[in-house]
């Protein structure tokens, strides 16, 4: 069974909502990312999104853009991100890994080869925000042939497409909670609850919400309405604030403690 399906089944049995942090792999280094992912797992993360640094991240706000710039200074590639996943797994992690990448890096590697590598590195799913439903047929077919979930994003502006996107989803449906790019927000658009209810009704897989969620109160606001909550920019911003402790060859315990405490607080 795909690790994503297995984890959501376990959480459902326990009556829990998945907490899913995002980080940009390679910020500030690949070695630090290994330690950060392990620390987030110890703090209660249920799945983790592994961001592939990209020079033109259309869906990402300034915090994640800066993290990509830092990672790209170290020439981190999609291959390096997969290597980090393998290293984390070799250290005993049971987390389901989800690759978050734009389509160009996938094409650079080659469609079939990228999914073959994901399978070899025990990565369970992929999110490609600039690949629309109408153009994902070939990618979806190859992903399914390797047992990997191509996870769709569905936005509040996609009303007429929500049912089609949700019906074809594998792994989970990723609902975008806010209009615009990712980033920390104090409030969400007015129709968010109705939007989530529409997706829940149409989907046969778990429903997850993300984009702009940054506090324990906001996590609580959603966890009774969905099966999982993603926190990205706020986690990346916390890593950014701990850079002086994370940039050494071996990540300093104080930097890891900051991440542990933040993730643990969000998880509740």
Protein backbone atom coordinates (compact mmCIF):
# COMPACT_ATOMS: atom_id res chain seq x y z
CA UNK A 1 0.00 0.00 0.00
CA UNK A 2 1.17 3.53 -0.77
CA UNK A 3 2.51 5.16 2.43
CA UNK A 4 0.15 8.13 2.02
CA UNK A 5 -2.93 5.87 2.01
CA UNK A 6 -1.58 3.89 4.93
CA UNK A 7 -0.89 6.98 7.04
CA UNK A 8 -4.32 8.53 6.44
CA UNK A 9 -5.98 5.19 7.27
CA UNK A 10 -4.06 5.05 10.56
CA UNK A 11 -4.98 8.63 11.43
CA UNK A 12 -8.64 8.07 10.60
CA UNK A 13 -8.73 5.04 12.88
CA UNK A 14 -7.33 7.20 15.70
CA UNK A 15 -9.65 10.11 14.89
CA UNK A 16 -6.72 12.42 14.16
CA UNK A 17 -6.07 15.07 11.50
CA UNK A 18 -2.79 14.87 9.56
CA UNK A 19 -0.26 17.59 10.18
CA UNK A 20 1.88 18.15 7.07
CA UNK A 21 4.83 20.56 7.17
CA UNK A 22 6.58 21.80 4.03
CA UNK A 23 10.24 22.68 3.73
CA UNK A 24 12.47 23.68 0.84
CA UNK A 25 15.08 20.95 0.64
CA UNK A 26 18.61 22.34 0.62
CA UNK A 27 17.77 25.38 2.72
CA UNK A 28 20.32 25.96 4.09
CA UNK A 29 21.91 22.63 3.02
CA UNK A 30 20.98 19.07 2.12
CA UNK A 31 22.53 17.80 5.36
CA UNK A 32 20.50 20.28 7.42
CA UNK A 33 17.32 19.24 5.59
CA UNK A 34 17.88 15.62 6.65
CA UNK A 35 18.10 16.67 10.30
CA UNK A 36 15.14 19.04 9.99
CA UNK A 37 12.85 16.37 8.52
CA UNK A 38 13.80 13.89 11.25
CA UNK A 39 13.20 16.58 13.89
CA UNK A 40 9.78 17.42 12.43
CA UNK A 41 8.86 13.75 12.57
CA UNK A 42 9.89 13.60 16.23
CA UNK A 43 7.74 16.69 16.84
CA UNK A 44 4.63 15.00 15.43
CA UNK A 45 4.59 15.54 11.65
CA UNK A 46 2.49 12.89 9.90
CA UNK A 47 3.62 13.45 6.30
CA UNK A 48 6.10 15.93 4.83
CA UNK A 49 6.22 17.95 1.62
CA UNK A 50 9.71 18.13 0.13
CA UNK A 51 9.99 21.35 -1.85
CA UNK A 52 12.27 21.28 -4.88
CA UNK A 53 13.97 24.70 -5.12
CA UNK A 54 13.01 26.49 -8.32
CA UNK A 55 14.02 29.81 -9.83
CA UNK A 56 10.51 30.89 -10.87
CA UNK A 57 8.07 29.52 -8.24
CA UNK A 58 4.78 31.00 -9.45
CA UNK A 59 2.66 29.78 -6.53
CA UNK A 60 5.12 30.65 -3.77
CA UNK A 61 5.22 33.82 -1.72
CA UNK A 62 8.36 35.71 -0.66
CA UNK A 63 9.33 33.46 2.28
CA UNK A 64 9.50 30.30 0.15
CA UNK A 65 11.06 32.23 -2.74
CA UNK A 66 13.92 33.26 -0.45
CA UNK A 67 14.38 29.68 0.70
CA UNK A 68 14.59 28.52 -2.92
CA UNK A 69 17.20 31.18 -3.62
CA UNK A 70 19.30 29.97 -0.68
CA UNK A 71 19.01 26.34 -1.77
CA UNK A 72 19.85 27.17 -5.38
CA UNK A 73 23.06 28.86 -4.23
CA UNK A 74 24.10 25.35 -3.18
CA UNK A 75 22.96 24.05 -6.60
CA UNK A 76 20.31 21.76 -5.08
CA UNK A 77 18.48 19.79 -7.78
CA UNK A 78 15.53 17.43 -7.85
CA UNK A 79 18.07 14.59 -7.66
CA UNK A 80 19.47 16.04 -4.43
CA UNK A 81 15.96 16.29 -2.97
CA UNK A 82 15.42 12.59 -3.67
CA UNK A 83 18.78 11.76 -2.11
CA UNK A 84 17.72 13.61 1.05
CA UNK A 85 14.53 11.51 1.14
CA UNK A 86 16.58 8.32 0.87
CA UNK A 87 18.96 9.45 3.63
CA UNK A 88 16.04 10.32 5.94
CA UNK A 89 14.51 6.91 5.26
CA UNK A 90 17.83 5.19 5.99
CA UNK A 91 17.82 6.96 9.37
CA UNK A 92 14.57 5.24 10.28
CA UNK A 93 11.87 7.67 9.17
CA UNK A 94 8.40 6.30 8.48
CA UNK A 95 7.04 9.55 7.06
CA UNK A 96 5.31 9.49 3.68
CA UNK A 97 7.28 11.86 1.42
CA UNK A 98 5.54 14.12 -1.10
CA UNK A 99 7.62 15.89 -3.73
CA UNK A 100 6.48 19.48 -4.40
CA UNK A 101 7.91 20.65 -7.71
CA UNK A 102 7.07 22.62 -10.81
CA UNK A 103 6.75 20.86 -14.15
CA UNK A 104 9.99 22.05 -15.72
CA UNK A 105 12.31 20.12 -13.34
CA UNK A 106 10.21 17.01 -13.99
CA UNK A 107 10.57 17.43 -17.74
CA UNK A 108 14.30 18.03 -17.39
CA UNK A 109 14.69 14.62 -15.77
CA UNK A 110 12.14 12.94 -18.02
CA UNK A 111 8.61 11.88 -17.08
CA UNK A 112 9.18 8.15 -16.80
CA UNK A 113 12.61 8.51 -15.23
CA UNK A 114 11.44 10.91 -12.52
CA UNK A 115 8.78 8.48 -11.31
CA UNK A 116 11.21 5.58 -11.50
CA UNK A 117 13.60 7.54 -9.29
CA UNK A 118 10.80 8.47 -6.90
CA UNK A 119 9.90 4.81 -6.55
CA UNK A 120 13.54 3.90 -5.90
CA UNK A 121 13.82 6.65 -3.26
CA UNK A 122 10.53 5.69 -1.54
CA UNK A 123 8.68 8.94 -2.33
CA UNK A 124 4.93 8.33 -2.29
CA UNK A 125 3.40 11.34 -3.99
CA UNK A 126 4.01 14.44 -6.07
CA UNK A 127 2.36 17.86 -6.31
CA UNK A 128 2.95 19.86 -9.51
CA UNK A 129 1.13 23.20 -9.09
CA UNK A 130 1.58 24.34 -12.68
CA UNK A 131 0.22 21.13 -14.24
CA UNK A 132 -3.55 21.55 -14.81
CA UNK A 133 -6.03 18.69 -14.84
CA UNK A 134 -6.61 19.10 -18.57
CA UNK A 135 -2.95 18.41 -19.32
CA UNK A 136 -1.99 15.82 -16.72
CA UNK A 137 -3.09 12.63 -18.50
CA UNK A 138 0.34 11.32 -19.47
CA UNK A 139 1.91 12.27 -16.16
CA UNK A 140 -0.92 10.69 -14.18
CA UNK A 141 -0.72 7.44 -16.14
CA UNK A 142 3.03 7.12 -15.57
CA UNK A 143 2.67 8.00 -11.88
CA UNK A 144 0.01 5.32 -11.42
CA UNK A 145 2.18 2.74 -13.17
CA UNK A 146 4.79 3.27 -10.44
CA UNK A 147 2.26 3.35 -7.61
CA UNK A 148 2.86 7.05 -6.94
CA UNK A 149 0.05 9.53 -6.30
CA UNK A 150 -0.22 12.66 -8.44
CA UNK A 151 -1.93 14.95 -5.94
CA UNK A 152 -4.08 17.75 -7.38
CA UNK A 153 -4.46 21.30 -6.13
CA UNK A 154 -7.97 22.69 -6.16
CA UNK A 155 -8.56 26.41 -5.69
CA UNK A 156 -11.60 28.43 -4.62
CA UNK A 157 -11.72 29.84 -8.15
CA UNK A 158 -12.16 26.34 -9.61
CA UNK A 159 -15.85 25.97 -8.74
CA UNK A 160 -16.95 24.35 -11.98
CA UNK A 161 -13.92 22.05 -11.96
CA UNK A 162 -13.94 21.02 -8.29
CA UNK A 163 -15.91 17.81 -8.80
CA UNK A 164 -13.78 16.71 -11.76
CA UNK A 165 -10.54 17.40 -9.92
CA UNK A 166 -11.71 15.72 -6.70
CA UNK A 167 -13.10 12.69 -8.52
CA UNK A 168 -9.77 11.95 -10.23
CA UNK A 169 -7.61 12.55 -7.15
CA UNK A 170 -5.24 9.98 -5.71
CA UNK A 171 -3.65 10.21 -2.28
CA UNK A 172 -5.51 13.33 -1.24
CA UNK A 173 -6.99 16.56 -2.61
CA UNK A 174 -4.99 19.67 -1.71
CA UNK A 175 -7.38 22.58 -1.18
CA UNK A 176 -5.92 26.06 -1.50
CA UNK A 177 -7.31 28.08 1.40
CA UNK A 178 -6.52 31.53 0.02
CA UNK A 179 -6.42 33.38 -3.26
CA UNK A 180 -2.95 34.28 -4.55
CA UNK A 181 0.44 32.85 -3.61
CA UNK A 182 1.48 31.01 -0.47
CA UNK A 183 2.30 33.00 2.63
CA UNK A 184 1.32 33.69 6.21
CA UNK A 185 -2.17 35.20 6.55
CA UNK A 186 -4.36 36.44 9.37
CA UNK A 187 -7.64 35.50 7.66
CA UNK A 188 -9.01 33.40 4.82
CA UNK A 189 -11.50 34.12 2.07
CA UNK A 190 -15.13 34.24 3.12
CA UNK A 191 -16.37 31.10 1.39
CA UNK A 192 -13.68 28.73 2.62
CA UNK A 193 -15.98 26.48 4.69
CA UNK A 194 -18.46 26.01 1.84
CA UNK A 195 -15.58 25.35 -0.55
CA UNK A 196 -14.11 22.65 1.71
CA UNK A 197 -17.55 21.06 2.14
CA UNK A 198 -17.98 20.93 -1.65
CA UNK A 199 -14.62 19.22 -2.10
CA UNK A 200 -15.31 16.76 0.74
CA UNK A 201 -18.59 15.78 -0.88
CA UNK A 202 -16.98 15.18 -4.28
CA UNK A 203 -13.78 13.43 -3.14
CA UNK A 204 -13.28 9.76 -2.39
CA UNK A 205 -9.83 10.43 -0.90
CA UNK A 206 -8.77 12.57 2.09
CA UNK A 207 -9.08 16.34 1.80
CA UNK A 208 -6.19 18.55 2.94
CA UNK A 209 -6.04 22.33 3.23
CA UNK A 210 -3.00 24.59 2.96
CA UNK A 211 -1.68 28.02 1.84
CA UNK A 212 -1.49 30.68 4.52
CA UNK A 213 -1.97 28.56 7.66
CA UNK A 214 0.59 29.58 10.26
CA UNK A 215 -0.72 29.27 13.84
CA UNK A 216 -2.13 26.61 16.13
CA UNK A 217 -5.43 28.51 16.18
CA UNK A 218 -5.65 28.37 12.39
CA UNK A 219 -4.80 24.66 12.38
CA UNK A 220 -7.59 24.09 14.92
CA UNK A 221 -9.95 26.15 12.77
CA UNK A 222 -9.60 23.62 9.97
CA UNK A 223 -8.82 20.27 11.55
CA UNK A 224 -12.46 19.39 12.24
CA UNK A 225 -13.37 20.16 8.62
CA UNK A 226 -10.61 18.30 6.72
CA UNK A 227 -8.36 15.26 6.98
CA UNK A 228 -5.07 17.15 6.97
CA UNK A 229 -3.51 20.60 7.30
CA UNK A 230 -0.37 21.82 5.50
CA UNK A 231 1.86 24.52 6.97
CA UNK A 232 4.54 25.81 4.61
CA UNK A 233 5.65 29.42 4.78
CA UNK A 234 5.50 29.57 8.58
CA UNK A 235 7.74 26.50 8.87
CA UNK A 236 10.16 27.88 6.26
CA UNK A 237 10.18 31.24 8.05
CA UNK A 238 11.08 29.46 11.31
CA UNK A 239 13.95 27.71 9.52
CA UNK A 240 15.02 31.08 8.14
CA UNK A 241 15.07 32.47 11.67
CA UNK A 242 17.33 29.63 12.81
CA UNK A 243 19.80 29.78 9.91
CA UNK A 244 22.78 30.74 12.06
CA UNK A 245 22.32 27.45 13.94
CA UNK A 246 21.63 25.37 10.83
CA UNK A 247 24.35 26.47 8.43
CA UNK A 248 27.18 24.54 10.06
CA UNK A 249 28.24 21.16 8.70
CA UNK A 250 26.21 19.57 11.48
CA UNK A 251 22.95 21.34 12.39
CA UNK A 252 23.21 22.77 15.90
CA UNK A 253 20.73 21.37 18.46
CA UNK A 254 19.45 24.88 19.22
CA UNK A 255 18.32 25.37 15.64
CA UNK A 256 16.64 21.97 15.55
CA UNK A 257 14.96 22.70 18.87
CA UNK A 258 13.36 25.84 17.40
CA UNK A 259 11.86 23.77 14.59
CA UNK A 260 10.81 20.99 16.96
CA UNK A 261 9.00 23.40 19.25
CA UNK A 262 7.23 25.18 16.39
CA UNK A 263 6.02 21.97 14.74
CA UNK A 264 5.00 20.50 18.09
CA UNK A 265 3.00 23.65 18.90
CA UNK A 266 1.22 23.58 15.54
CA UNK A 267 0.47 19.87 15.83
CA UNK A 268 -1.08 20.45 19.26
